[in-house]
Amino acid sequence: MNKLIPKIGAAIVTLTVFLFAIFMIVDFPFGSYFVCMFLPIGHIMMAAGFHHESAKEQRVSANIGMIFSAIYAVLIFLVYFAQTTTVRLEDINEQAIKILDFQRGGLLFNYDLLGYGMMALSTFFIGLSIKAESKSDKWLKYLMIIHGVFFIGCFIMPMTGVFTSMANGDNGNGGTIALLFWCAYFIPIGILSYRHFEKEKR
């Protein structure tokens, strides 16, 4: 079970990121929001697997990675559950829509970015805890550590208003292109994590 559960988590991560990219390309926002609620579930399952197998010397880093994955999950569930329920089904006034509707930018959009910043920190610390014993594990370790750089953009850029402008369409398809780039980066992390947990006990 200690390898099966994180392996399933890695499969969920890979599938949900892939579907997220497809739904963005075909302009199906509800689908994008819906699958994003499964991504943190898969990420926590995957993170728990790396935490379980971490050596004593890397346990602090693995613990921090787990904590940040939980913070990420809470923020993302709040954002996307609101999009698939209240925003989609309720008759909301214009002022509330500007705050709640992901596509308008605003508070929940910024919380979403903060959530993915927490995810970046989670992968960074989990990456530090991985003992890479194969070429694929080394790639996984470095991809997860480098992914931590996304925290800077997710945390700082919302304060500049750049991402809100993208959400409001001021920069054309810039926001979609940025998200597709992230998907192309993160899918290999999911695949390599799946391969990592598929291996026999080392």
N, C-alpha and C. Protein backbone atom coordinates (compact mmCIF):
# COMPACT_ATOMS: atom_id res chain seq x y z
N MET A 1 0.82 -1.22 0.00
CA MET A 1 0.00 0.00 0.00
C MET A 1 0.85 1.27 0.00
N ASN A 2 2.04 1.19 0.62
CA ASN A 2 2.89 2.37 0.72
C ASN A 2 3.42 2.82 -0.63
N LYS A 3 3.42 1.93 -1.61
CA LYS A 3 3.80 2.32 -2.97
C LYS A 3 2.58 2.44 -3.87
N LEU A 4 1.56 1.64 -3.61
CA LEU A 4 0.37 1.66 -4.45
C LEU A 4 -0.37 3.00 -4.36
N ILE A 5 -0.59 3.49 -3.15
CA ILE A 5 -1.33 4.74 -2.97
C ILE A 5 -0.62 5.92 -3.63
N PRO A 6 0.70 6.13 -3.37
CA PRO A 6 1.35 7.25 -4.07
C PRO A 6 1.44 7.05 -5.58
N LYS A 7 1.49 5.79 -6.02
CA LYS A 7 1.50 5.53 -7.46
C LYS A 7 0.17 5.94 -8.08
N ILE A 8 -0.93 5.64 -7.39
CA ILE A 8 -2.25 6.09 -7.85
C ILE A 8 -2.30 7.62 -7.82
N GLY A 9 -1.74 8.20 -6.76
CA GLY A 9 -1.69 9.66 -6.68
C GLY A 9 -0.95 10.27 -7.86
N ALA A 10 0.18 9.68 -8.23
CA ALA A 10 0.96 10.18 -9.37
C ALA A 10 0.17 10.06 -10.67
N ALA A 11 -0.60 8.97 -10.80
CA ALA A 11 -1.44 8.80 -11.99
C ALA A 11 -2.54 9.86 -12.03
N ILE A 12 -3.13 10.17 -10.87
CA ILE A 12 -4.16 11.21 -10.79
C ILE A 12 -3.57 12.56 -11.18
N VAL A 13 -2.37 12.86 -10.66
CA VAL A 13 -1.70 14.12 -10.99
C VAL A 13 -1.48 14.24 -12.49
N THR A 14 -0.93 13.19 -13.09
CA THR A 14 -0.64 13.22 -14.53
C THR A 14 -1.91 13.39 -15.35
N LEU A 15 -2.94 12.63 -15.02
CA LEU A 15 -4.19 12.68 -15.77
C LEU A 15 -4.89 14.02 -15.62
N THR A 16 -4.95 14.54 -14.40
CA THR A 16 -5.67 15.80 -14.18
C THR A 16 -4.96 16.97 -14.85
N VAL A 17 -3.63 17.01 -14.81
CA VAL A 17 -2.90 18.09 -15.47
C VAL A 17 -3.11 18.01 -16.99
N PHE A 18 -3.09 16.79 -17.53
CA PHE A 18 -3.33 16.61 -18.97
C PHE A 18 -4.73 17.08 -19.35
N LEU A 19 -5.73 16.66 -18.57
CA LEU A 19 -7.11 17.07 -18.86
C LEU A 19 -7.29 18.58 -18.69
N PHE A 20 -6.62 19.15 -17.69
CA PHE A 20 -6.67 20.60 -17.50
C PHE A 20 -6.18 21.33 -18.74
N ALA A 21 -5.09 20.84 -19.31
CA ALA A 21 -4.55 21.45 -20.53
C ALA A 21 -5.54 21.32 -21.69
N ILE A 22 -6.13 20.14 -21.85
CA ILE A 22 -7.10 19.92 -22.93
C ILE A 22 -8.31 20.83 -22.78
N PHE A 23 -8.83 20.92 -21.56
CA PHE A 23 -10.02 21.76 -21.32
C PHE A 23 -9.72 23.25 -21.55
N MET A 24 -8.48 23.66 -21.27
CA MET A 24 -8.12 25.05 -21.57
C MET A 24 -8.08 25.29 -23.07
N ILE A 25 -7.54 24.33 -23.81
CA ILE A 25 -7.42 24.48 -25.26
C ILE A 25 -8.79 24.56 -25.92
N VAL A 26 -9.74 23.72 -25.44
CA VAL A 26 -11.08 23.69 -26.04
C VAL A 26 -12.03 24.70 -25.39
N ASP A 27 -11.50 25.50 -24.44
CA ASP A 27 -12.27 26.55 -23.76
C ASP A 27 -13.49 25.98 -23.04
N PHE A 28 -13.24 25.05 -22.12
CA PHE A 28 -14.28 24.43 -21.30
C PHE A 28 -13.95 24.70 -19.83
N PRO A 29 -14.26 25.92 -19.33
CA PRO A 29 -13.86 26.30 -17.98
C PRO A 29 -14.35 25.37 -16.88
N PHE A 30 -15.61 24.90 -16.96
CA PHE A 30 -16.12 24.04 -15.91
C PHE A 30 -15.27 22.78 -15.79
N GLY A 31 -14.89 22.20 -16.93
CA GLY A 31 -14.04 21.02 -16.91
C GLY A 31 -12.70 21.30 -16.26
N SER A 32 -12.12 22.45 -16.58
CA SER A 32 -10.84 22.84 -15.98
C SER A 32 -10.95 22.96 -14.47
N TYR A 33 -12.02 23.63 -14.01
CA TYR A 33 -12.21 23.80 -12.57
C TYR A 33 -12.44 22.46 -11.88
N PHE A 34 -13.24 21.61 -12.52
CA PHE A 34 -13.60 20.33 -11.91
C PHE A 34 -12.37 19.44 -11.72
N VAL A 35 -11.55 19.29 -12.76
CA VAL A 35 -10.39 18.40 -12.64
C VAL A 35 -9.36 18.96 -11.67
N CYS A 36 -9.31 20.29 -11.53
CA CYS A 36 -8.34 20.90 -10.61
C CYS A 36 -8.60 20.52 -9.17
N MET A 37 -9.82 20.09 -8.85
CA MET A 37 -10.12 19.67 -7.48
C MET A 37 -9.57 18.28 -7.19
N PHE A 38 -9.24 17.51 -8.23
CA PHE A 38 -8.65 16.19 -8.03
C PHE A 38 -7.13 16.26 -7.96
N LEU A 39 -6.56 17.32 -8.55
CA LEU A 39 -5.11 17.46 -8.57
C LEU A 39 -4.51 17.49 -7.16
N PRO A 40 -5.02 18.29 -6.21
CA PRO A 40 -4.43 18.27 -4.86
C PRO A 40 -4.57 16.94 -4.14
N ILE A 41 -5.64 16.19 -4.46
CA ILE A 41 -5.79 14.85 -3.86
C ILE A 41 -4.63 13.97 -4.30
N GLY A 42 -4.40 13.96 -5.62
CA GLY A 42 -3.29 13.16 -6.16
C GLY A 42 -1.95 13.64 -5.63
N HIS A 43 -1.80 14.96 -5.53
CA HIS A 43 -0.52 15.51 -5.06
C HIS A 43 -0.23 15.10 -3.63
N ILE A 44 -1.25 15.15 -2.77
CA ILE A 44 -1.04 14.75 -1.37
C ILE A 44 -0.70 13.26 -1.27
N MET A 45 -1.39 12.43 -2.04
CA MET A 45 -1.09 11.00 -2.05
C MET A 45 0.36 10.75 -2.48
N MET A 46 0.78 11.48 -3.51
CA MET A 46 2.13 11.36 -4.03
C MET A 46 3.15 11.87 -3.01
N ALA A 47 2.87 13.03 -2.42
CA ALA A 47 3.78 13.62 -1.44
C ALA A 47 3.94 12.71 -0.22
N ALA A 48 2.84 12.07 0.19
CA ALA A 48 2.90 11.17 1.34
C ALA A 48 3.82 9.98 1.06
N GLY A 49 3.81 9.52 -0.18
CA GLY A 49 4.70 8.42 -0.56
C GLY A 49 6.17 8.81 -0.47
N PHE A 50 6.49 10.00 -0.96
CA PHE A 50 7.88 10.47 -0.86
C PHE A 50 8.26 10.70 0.60
N HIS A 51 7.31 11.20 1.39
CA HIS A 51 7.57 11.42 2.81
C HIS A 51 7.85 10.10 3.52
N HIS A 52 7.07 9.09 3.20
CA HIS A 52 7.23 7.79 3.85
C HIS A 52 8.60 7.18 3.60
N GLU A 53 9.10 7.32 2.40
CA GLU A 53 10.37 6.67 2.07
C GLU A 53 11.59 7.57 2.31
N SER A 54 11.37 8.80 2.77
CA SER A 54 12.50 9.71 2.98
C SER A 54 13.38 9.21 4.12
N ALA A 55 14.67 9.44 3.98
CA ALA A 55 15.62 9.05 5.02
C ALA A 55 15.52 10.00 6.20
N LYS A 56 16.04 9.58 7.34
CA LYS A 56 15.95 10.39 8.56
C LYS A 56 16.57 11.77 8.35
N GLU A 57 17.67 11.82 7.58
CA GLU A 57 18.36 13.08 7.36
C GLU A 57 17.54 14.07 6.53
N GLN A 58 16.59 13.56 5.74
CA GLN A 58 15.76 14.41 4.88
C GLN A 58 14.32 14.53 5.39
N ARG A 59 14.05 14.03 6.59
CA ARG A 59 12.69 13.98 7.09
C ARG A 59 12.09 15.38 7.33
N VAL A 60 12.91 16.32 7.77
CA VAL A 60 12.41 17.68 7.99
C VAL A 60 11.93 18.27 6.66
N SER A 61 12.72 18.10 5.62
CA SER A 61 12.34 18.61 4.30
C SER A 61 11.05 17.96 3.82
N ALA A 62 10.94 16.64 4.01
CA ALA A 62 9.73 15.92 3.60
C ALA A 62 8.52 16.39 4.40
N ASN A 63 8.71 16.65 5.70
CA ASN A 63 7.61 17.16 6.53
C ASN A 63 7.11 18.50 6.03
N ILE A 64 8.06 19.39 5.71
CA ILE A 64 7.69 20.72 5.20
C ILE A 64 6.93 20.59 3.89
N GLY A 65 7.40 19.69 3.02
CA GLY A 65 6.72 19.46 1.74
C GLY A 65 5.28 18.99 1.94
N MET A 66 5.06 18.12 2.92
CA MET A 66 3.71 17.64 3.21
C MET A 66 2.82 18.77 3.72
N ILE A 67 3.36 19.61 4.59
CA ILE A 67 2.57 20.72 5.15
C ILE A 67 2.15 21.68 4.05
N PHE A 68 3.09 22.03 3.17
CA PHE A 68 2.75 22.94 2.08
C PHE A 68 1.75 22.31 1.11
N SER A 69 1.80 20.99 0.94
CA SER A 69 0.83 20.33 0.06
C SER A 69 -0.58 20.44 0.64
N ALA A 70 -0.70 20.38 1.97
CA ALA A 70 -2.01 20.52 2.62
C ALA A 70 -2.54 21.94 2.48
N ILE A 71 -1.66 22.94 2.65
CA ILE A 71 -2.08 24.34 2.46
C ILE A 71 -2.55 24.56 1.03
N TYR A 72 -1.80 24.02 0.08
CA TYR A 72 -2.17 24.10 -1.34
C TYR A 72 -3.56 23.52 -1.56
N ALA A 73 -3.81 22.36 -0.99
CA ALA A 73 -5.09 21.68 -1.19
C ALA A 73 -6.25 22.52 -0.68
N VAL A 74 -6.11 23.08 0.51
CA VAL A 74 -7.19 23.89 1.09
C VAL A 74 -7.52 25.07 0.19
N LEU A 75 -6.52 25.80 -0.26
CA LEU A 75 -6.75 26.97 -1.10
C LEU A 75 -7.41 26.59 -2.42
N ILE A 76 -6.93 25.52 -3.03
CA ILE A 76 -7.45 25.11 -4.34
C ILE A 76 -8.89 24.62 -4.24
N PHE A 77 -9.19 23.84 -3.21
CA PHE A 77 -10.57 23.38 -3.03
C PHE A 77 -11.53 24.55 -2.83
N LEU A 78 -11.11 25.54 -2.04
CA LEU A 78 -11.96 26.71 -1.82
C LEU A 78 -12.22 27.45 -3.13
N VAL A 79 -11.18 27.63 -3.93
CA VAL A 79 -11.31 28.38 -5.19
C VAL A 79 -12.21 27.66 -6.18
N TYR A 80 -11.92 26.39 -6.45
CA TYR A 80 -12.62 25.71 -7.53
C TYR A 80 -13.99 25.17 -7.13
N PHE A 81 -14.17 24.89 -5.83
CA PHE A 81 -15.51 24.51 -5.39
C PHE A 81 -16.45 25.70 -5.52
N ALA A 82 -15.92 26.90 -5.25
CA ALA A 82 -16.72 28.12 -5.43
C ALA A 82 -17.09 28.31 -6.90
N GLN A 83 -16.15 28.02 -7.80
CA GLN A 83 -16.41 28.21 -9.24
C GLN A 83 -17.48 27.25 -9.76
N THR A 84 -17.44 26.01 -9.27
CA THR A 84 -18.37 24.99 -9.78
C THR A 84 -19.72 24.99 -9.06
N THR A 85 -19.83 25.78 -8.00
CA THR A 85 -21.10 25.85 -7.26
C THR A 85 -21.65 27.28 -7.27
N THR A 86 -21.19 28.10 -6.36
CA THR A 86 -21.76 29.44 -6.18
C THR A 86 -21.69 30.30 -7.44
N VAL A 87 -20.52 30.39 -8.04
CA VAL A 87 -20.35 31.24 -9.23
C VAL A 87 -21.19 30.74 -10.39
N ARG A 88 -21.26 29.42 -10.55
CA ARG A 88 -21.97 28.85 -11.70
C ARG A 88 -23.48 28.82 -11.50
N LEU A 89 -23.94 28.63 -10.27
CA LEU A 89 -25.36 28.36 -10.04
C LEU A 89 -26.16 29.52 -9.43
N GLU A 90 -25.47 30.41 -8.73
CA GLU A 90 -26.18 31.47 -8.02
C GLU A 90 -26.29 32.74 -8.86
N ASP A 91 -27.32 33.53 -8.57
CA ASP A 91 -27.48 34.84 -9.20
C ASP A 91 -26.74 35.86 -8.35
N ILE A 92 -25.53 36.23 -8.80
CA ILE A 92 -24.63 37.06 -8.00
C ILE A 92 -24.51 38.44 -8.64
N ASN A 93 -24.47 39.47 -7.81
CA ASN A 93 -24.34 40.81 -8.36
C ASN A 93 -22.94 41.04 -8.94
N GLU A 94 -22.79 42.12 -9.68
CA GLU A 94 -21.55 42.38 -10.42
C GLU A 94 -20.35 42.54 -9.50
N GLN A 95 -20.54 43.18 -8.38
CA GLN A 95 -19.44 43.38 -7.45
C GLN A 95 -18.92 42.05 -6.90
N ALA A 96 -19.85 41.18 -6.54
CA ALA A 96 -19.45 39.86 -6.02
C ALA A 96 -18.79 39.03 -7.10
N ILE A 97 -19.29 39.13 -8.34
CA ILE A 97 -18.71 38.38 -9.45
C ILE A 97 -17.25 38.76 -9.66
N LYS A 98 -16.95 40.05 -9.54
CA LYS A 98 -15.57 40.51 -9.72
C LYS A 98 -14.63 39.89 -8.69
N ILE A 99 -15.17 39.59 -7.52
CA ILE A 99 -14.36 38.97 -6.47
C ILE A 99 -14.30 37.46 -6.63
N LEU A 100 -15.43 36.83 -6.96
CA LEU A 100 -15.55 35.37 -6.92
C LEU A 100 -15.22 34.66 -8.24
N ASP A 101 -15.55 35.30 -9.36
CA ASP A 101 -15.40 34.63 -10.65
C ASP A 101 -13.93 34.56 -11.04
N PHE A 102 -13.43 33.34 -11.19
CA PHE A 102 -12.03 33.10 -11.54
C PHE A 102 -11.64 33.85 -12.82
N GLN A 103 -12.54 33.87 -13.80
CA GLN A 103 -12.22 34.46 -15.09
C GLN A 103 -12.15 35.99 -15.04
N ARG A 104 -12.63 36.60 -13.98
CA ARG A 104 -12.56 38.05 -13.84
C ARG A 104 -11.32 38.50 -13.07
N GLY A 105 -10.52 37.55 -12.60
CA GLY A 105 -9.42 37.92 -11.72
C GLY A 105 -9.95 38.12 -10.32
N GLY A 106 -9.37 39.01 -9.56
CA GLY A 106 -9.89 39.30 -8.24
C GLY A 106 -9.37 38.37 -7.16
N LEU A 107 -10.08 38.36 -6.03
CA LEU A 107 -9.61 37.70 -4.83
C LEU A 107 -9.38 36.20 -5.01
N LEU A 108 -10.37 35.47 -5.54
CA LEU A 108 -10.22 34.02 -5.65
C LEU A 108 -9.15 33.65 -6.68
N PHE A 109 -9.03 34.46 -7.73
CA PHE A 109 -7.97 34.23 -8.71
C PHE A 109 -6.60 34.33 -8.03
N ASN A 110 -6.44 35.34 -7.17
CA ASN A 110 -5.18 35.52 -6.46
C ASN A 110 -4.95 34.41 -5.44
N TYR A 111 -6.04 33.94 -4.81
CA TYR A 111 -5.90 32.80 -3.91
C TYR A 111 -5.46 31.54 -4.67
N ASP A 112 -5.95 31.40 -5.89
CA ASP A 112 -5.55 30.27 -6.72
C ASP A 112 -4.05 30.31 -6.98
N LEU A 113 -3.55 31.49 -7.33
CA LEU A 113 -2.12 31.64 -7.57
C LEU A 113 -1.32 31.37 -6.31
N LEU A 114 -1.82 31.85 -5.18
CA LEU A 114 -1.16 31.57 -3.91
C LEU A 114 -1.12 30.07 -3.64
N GLY A 115 -2.23 29.39 -3.96
CA GLY A 115 -2.28 27.95 -3.78
C GLY A 115 -1.22 27.24 -4.59
N TYR A 116 -1.06 27.63 -5.85
CA TYR A 116 -0.05 26.98 -6.68
C TYR A 116 1.36 27.40 -6.28
N GLY A 117 1.49 28.56 -5.64
CA GLY A 117 2.76 28.92 -5.03
C GLY A 117 3.11 27.96 -3.90
N MET A 118 2.10 27.59 -3.09
CA MET A 118 2.30 26.62 -2.02
C MET A 118 2.66 25.25 -2.60
N MET A 119 2.05 24.91 -3.73
CA MET A 119 2.37 23.64 -4.39
C MET A 119 3.84 23.64 -4.83
N ALA A 120 4.30 24.79 -5.36
CA ALA A 120 5.68 24.89 -5.80
C ALA A 120 6.64 24.70 -4.63
N LEU A 121 6.32 25.30 -3.49
CA LEU A 121 7.15 25.09 -2.30
C LEU A 121 7.11 23.63 -1.86
N SER A 122 5.94 23.02 -1.98
CA SER A 122 5.81 21.61 -1.62
C SER A 122 6.72 20.74 -2.46
N THR A 123 6.69 20.94 -3.78
CA THR A 123 7.55 20.13 -4.66
C THR A 123 9.02 20.40 -4.40
N PHE A 124 9.35 21.66 -4.09
CA PHE A 124 10.75 22.02 -3.81
C PHE A 124 11.28 21.21 -2.63
N PHE A 125 10.54 21.21 -1.52
CA PHE A 125 11.02 20.52 -0.32
C PHE A 125 10.93 19.00 -0.48
N ILE A 126 9.93 18.51 -1.20
CA ILE A 126 9.86 17.08 -1.46
C ILE A 126 11.03 16.66 -2.33
N GLY A 127 11.34 17.49 -3.34
CA GLY A 127 12.49 17.21 -4.20
C GLY A 127 13.77 17.09 -3.41
N LEU A 128 13.95 17.98 -2.42
CA LEU A 128 15.16 17.92 -1.59
C LEU A 128 15.23 16.62 -0.79
N SER A 129 14.07 16.04 -0.50
CA SER A 129 14.04 14.83 0.34
C SER A 129 14.25 13.54 -0.45
N ILE A 130 14.18 13.63 -1.77
CA ILE A 130 14.29 12.42 -2.61
C ILE A 130 15.74 11.96 -2.70
N LYS A 131 15.97 10.70 -2.42
CA LYS A 131 17.29 10.10 -2.61
C LYS A 131 17.31 9.47 -4.00
N ALA A 132 17.93 10.16 -4.93
CA ALA A 132 17.92 9.74 -6.34
C ALA A 132 18.95 8.64 -6.57
N GLU A 133 18.46 7.46 -6.94
CA GLU A 133 19.35 6.32 -7.17
C GLU A 133 19.35 5.88 -8.63
N SER A 134 18.63 6.57 -9.46
CA SER A 134 18.59 6.23 -10.89
C SER A 134 18.53 7.52 -11.69
N LYS A 135 18.73 7.40 -13.00
CA LYS A 135 18.71 8.57 -13.86
C LYS A 135 17.34 9.23 -13.85
N SER A 136 16.27 8.42 -13.89
CA SER A 136 14.92 8.98 -13.89
C SER A 136 14.60 9.67 -12.56
N ASP A 137 15.11 9.10 -11.45
CA ASP A 137 14.89 9.73 -10.15
C ASP A 137 15.65 11.05 -10.04
N LYS A 138 16.83 11.12 -10.67
CA LYS A 138 17.58 12.37 -10.66
C LYS A 138 16.81 13.45 -11.42
N TRP A 139 16.24 13.07 -12.58
CA TRP A 139 15.42 14.02 -13.34
C TRP A 139 14.22 14.48 -12.51
N LEU A 140 13.59 13.52 -11.84
CA LEU A 140 12.44 13.84 -11.00
C LEU A 140 12.84 14.81 -9.89
N LYS A 141 13.92 14.52 -9.23
CA LYS A 141 14.40 15.36 -8.12
C LYS A 141 14.65 16.79 -8.61
N TYR A 142 15.37 16.92 -9.73
CA TYR A 142 15.71 18.26 -10.23
C TYR A 142 14.49 19.01 -10.74
N LEU A 143 13.58 18.30 -11.41
CA LEU A 143 12.35 18.95 -11.89
C LEU A 143 11.51 19.48 -10.73
N MET A 144 11.44 18.70 -9.65
CA MET A 144 10.65 19.12 -8.49
C MET A 144 11.30 20.31 -7.78
N ILE A 145 12.62 20.27 -7.65
CA ILE A 145 13.32 21.38 -7.01
C ILE A 145 13.19 22.66 -7.84
N ILE A 146 13.42 22.54 -9.15
CA ILE A 146 13.33 23.71 -10.03
C ILE A 146 11.91 24.25 -10.06
N HIS A 147 10.91 23.36 -9.95
CA HIS A 147 9.51 23.78 -9.92
C HIS A 147 9.25 24.75 -8.77
N GLY A 148 10.07 24.68 -7.74
CA GLY A 148 9.93 25.60 -6.62
C GLY A 148 10.07 27.06 -7.02
N VAL A 149 10.74 27.32 -8.15
CA VAL A 149 10.90 28.69 -8.63
C VAL A 149 9.55 29.33 -8.96
N PHE A 150 8.55 28.50 -9.31
CA PHE A 150 7.23 29.03 -9.63
C PHE A 150 6.62 29.77 -8.44
N PHE A 151 7.08 29.45 -7.23
CA PHE A 151 6.57 30.14 -6.06
C PHE A 151 6.76 31.65 -6.16
N ILE A 152 7.90 32.06 -6.68
CA ILE A 152 8.21 33.49 -6.75
C ILE A 152 7.18 34.22 -7.60
N GLY A 153 6.89 33.68 -8.79
CA GLY A 153 5.90 34.31 -9.66
C GLY A 153 4.51 34.28 -9.08
N CYS A 154 4.14 33.12 -8.52
CA CYS A 154 2.79 32.97 -7.96
C CYS A 154 2.56 33.86 -6.75
N PHE A 155 3.62 34.14 -6.00
CA PHE A 155 3.49 34.94 -4.78
C PHE A 155 3.64 36.45 -5.06
N ILE A 156 4.59 36.80 -5.90
CA ILE A 156 4.90 38.22 -6.13
C ILE A 156 4.05 38.84 -7.24
N MET A 157 3.88 38.13 -8.36
CA MET A 157 3.24 38.72 -9.53
C MET A 157 1.80 39.18 -9.28
N PRO A 158 0.99 38.48 -8.47
CA PRO A 158 -0.36 39.00 -8.21
C PRO A 158 -0.35 40.39 -7.58
N MET A 159 0.69 40.72 -6.87
CA MET A 159 0.80 42.04 -6.26
C MET A 159 1.02 43.14 -7.30
N THR A 160 1.48 42.74 -8.50
CA THR A 160 1.73 43.72 -9.56
C THR A 160 0.51 43.92 -10.46
N GLY A 161 -0.48 43.02 -10.37
CA GLY A 161 -1.67 43.12 -11.21
C GLY A 161 -1.53 42.50 -12.58
N VAL A 162 -0.37 41.90 -12.87
CA VAL A 162 -0.14 41.33 -14.21
C VAL A 162 -1.08 40.17 -14.49
N PHE A 163 -1.20 39.23 -13.54
CA PHE A 163 -2.06 38.07 -13.76
C PHE A 163 -3.53 38.45 -13.81
N THR A 164 -3.91 39.46 -13.06
CA THR A 164 -5.30 39.92 -13.13
C THR A 164 -5.61 40.49 -14.50
N SER A 165 -4.65 41.18 -15.09
CA SER A 165 -4.82 41.70 -16.46
C SER A 165 -4.98 40.56 -17.45
N MET A 166 -4.22 39.49 -17.25
CA MET A 166 -4.36 38.32 -18.11
C MET A 166 -5.75 37.72 -17.98
N ALA A 167 -6.23 37.60 -16.75
CA ALA A 167 -7.55 37.02 -16.50
C ALA A 167 -8.64 37.86 -17.15
N ASN A 168 -8.44 39.17 -17.20
CA ASN A 168 -9.43 40.06 -17.80
C ASN A 168 -9.28 40.21 -19.30
N GLY A 169 -8.30 39.49 -19.85
CA GLY A 169 -8.15 39.46 -21.30
C GLY A 169 -7.32 40.57 -21.89
N ASP A 170 -6.62 41.36 -21.03
CA ASP A 170 -5.83 42.47 -21.54
C ASP A 170 -4.59 42.01 -22.29
N ASN A 171 -4.16 40.79 -22.05
CA ASN A 171 -2.96 40.28 -22.70
C ASN A 171 -3.26 39.13 -23.64
N GLY A 172 -4.44 39.12 -24.24
CA GLY A 172 -4.78 38.09 -25.21
C GLY A 172 -4.79 36.71 -24.59
N ASN A 173 -4.01 35.81 -25.18
CA ASN A 173 -3.96 34.44 -24.70
C ASN A 173 -2.76 34.19 -23.79
N GLY A 174 -2.18 35.27 -23.26
CA GLY A 174 -0.98 35.13 -22.44
C GLY A 174 -1.18 34.21 -21.25
N GLY A 175 -2.32 34.34 -20.56
CA GLY A 175 -2.58 33.51 -19.40
C GLY A 175 -2.69 32.03 -19.76
N THR A 176 -3.38 31.74 -20.86
CA THR A 176 -3.53 30.35 -21.31
C THR A 176 -2.18 29.76 -21.70
N ILE A 177 -1.37 30.54 -22.40
CA ILE A 177 -0.05 30.06 -22.82
C ILE A 177 0.82 29.76 -21.60
N ALA A 178 0.77 30.64 -20.60
CA ALA A 178 1.55 30.43 -19.37
C ALA A 178 1.11 29.15 -18.67
N LEU A 179 -0.20 28.91 -18.61
CA LEU A 179 -0.71 27.71 -17.95
C LEU A 179 -0.37 26.45 -18.73
N LEU A 180 -0.40 26.53 -20.05
CA LEU A 180 -0.02 25.37 -20.88
C LEU A 180 1.45 25.05 -20.72
N PHE A 181 2.27 26.08 -20.58
CA PHE A 181 3.70 25.87 -20.32
C PHE A 181 3.87 25.14 -18.99
N TRP A 182 3.10 25.57 -17.97
CA TRP A 182 3.19 24.90 -16.67
C TRP A 182 2.77 23.43 -16.79
N CYS A 183 1.70 23.18 -17.54
CA CYS A 183 1.25 21.79 -17.73
C CYS A 183 2.33 20.94 -18.38
N ALA A 184 2.98 21.50 -19.41
CA ALA A 184 4.05 20.77 -20.11
C ALA A 184 5.21 20.48 -19.17
N TYR A 185 5.43 21.36 -18.21
CA TYR A 185 6.50 21.15 -17.23
C TYR A 185 6.11 20.11 -16.19
N PHE A 186 4.85 20.15 -15.72
CA PHE A 186 4.46 19.33 -14.58
C PHE A 186 4.08 17.90 -14.94
N ILE A 187 3.60 17.68 -16.16
CA ILE A 187 3.23 16.31 -16.55
C ILE A 187 4.41 15.35 -16.40
N PRO A 188 5.64 15.71 -16.83
CA PRO A 188 6.77 14.78 -16.61
C PRO A 188 7.01 14.47 -15.14
N ILE A 189 6.72 15.41 -14.24
CA ILE A 189 6.87 15.13 -12.80
C ILE A 189 5.90 14.02 -12.39
N GLY A 190 4.67 14.08 -12.88
CA GLY A 190 3.70 13.04 -12.58
C GLY A 190 4.11 11.69 -13.14
N ILE A 191 4.60 11.69 -14.38
CA ILE A 191 5.02 10.43 -15.03
C ILE A 191 6.22 9.83 -14.31
N LEU A 192 7.22 10.65 -14.02
CA LEU A 192 8.41 10.14 -13.35
C LEU A 192 8.10 9.68 -11.93
N SER A 193 7.16 10.35 -11.26
CA SER A 193 6.75 9.92 -9.92
C SER A 193 6.07 8.55 -9.99
N TYR A 194 5.23 8.37 -11.01
CA TYR A 194 4.56 7.08 -11.20
C TYR A 194 5.60 5.97 -11.40
N ARG A 195 6.58 6.24 -12.25
CA ARG A 195 7.64 5.25 -12.49
C ARG A 195 8.44 4.98 -11.22
N HIS A 196 8.65 6.03 -10.44
CA HIS A 196 9.39 5.88 -9.20
C HIS A 196 8.68 4.92 -8.24
N PHE A 197 7.39 5.08 -8.07
CA PHE A 197 6.65 4.23 -7.13
C PHE A 197 6.32 2.85 -7.72
N GLU A 198 6.47 2.72 -9.03
CA GLU A 198 6.20 1.43 -9.68
C GLU A 198 7.36 0.46 -9.48
N LYS A 199 8.53 1.00 -9.18
CA LYS A 199 9.70 0.15 -9.02
C LYS A 199 9.54 -0.76 -7.81
N GLU A 200 10.31 -1.85 -7.85
CA GLU A 200 10.33 -2.74 -6.70
C GLU A 200 11.03 -2.04 -5.54
N LYS A 201 10.82 -2.54 -4.33
CA LYS A 201 11.48 -1.97 -3.17
C LYS A 201 12.99 -2.04 -3.36
N ARG A 202 13.65 -0.89 -3.07
CA ARG A 202 15.08 -0.84 -3.30
C ARG A 202 15.83 -1.11 -2.01
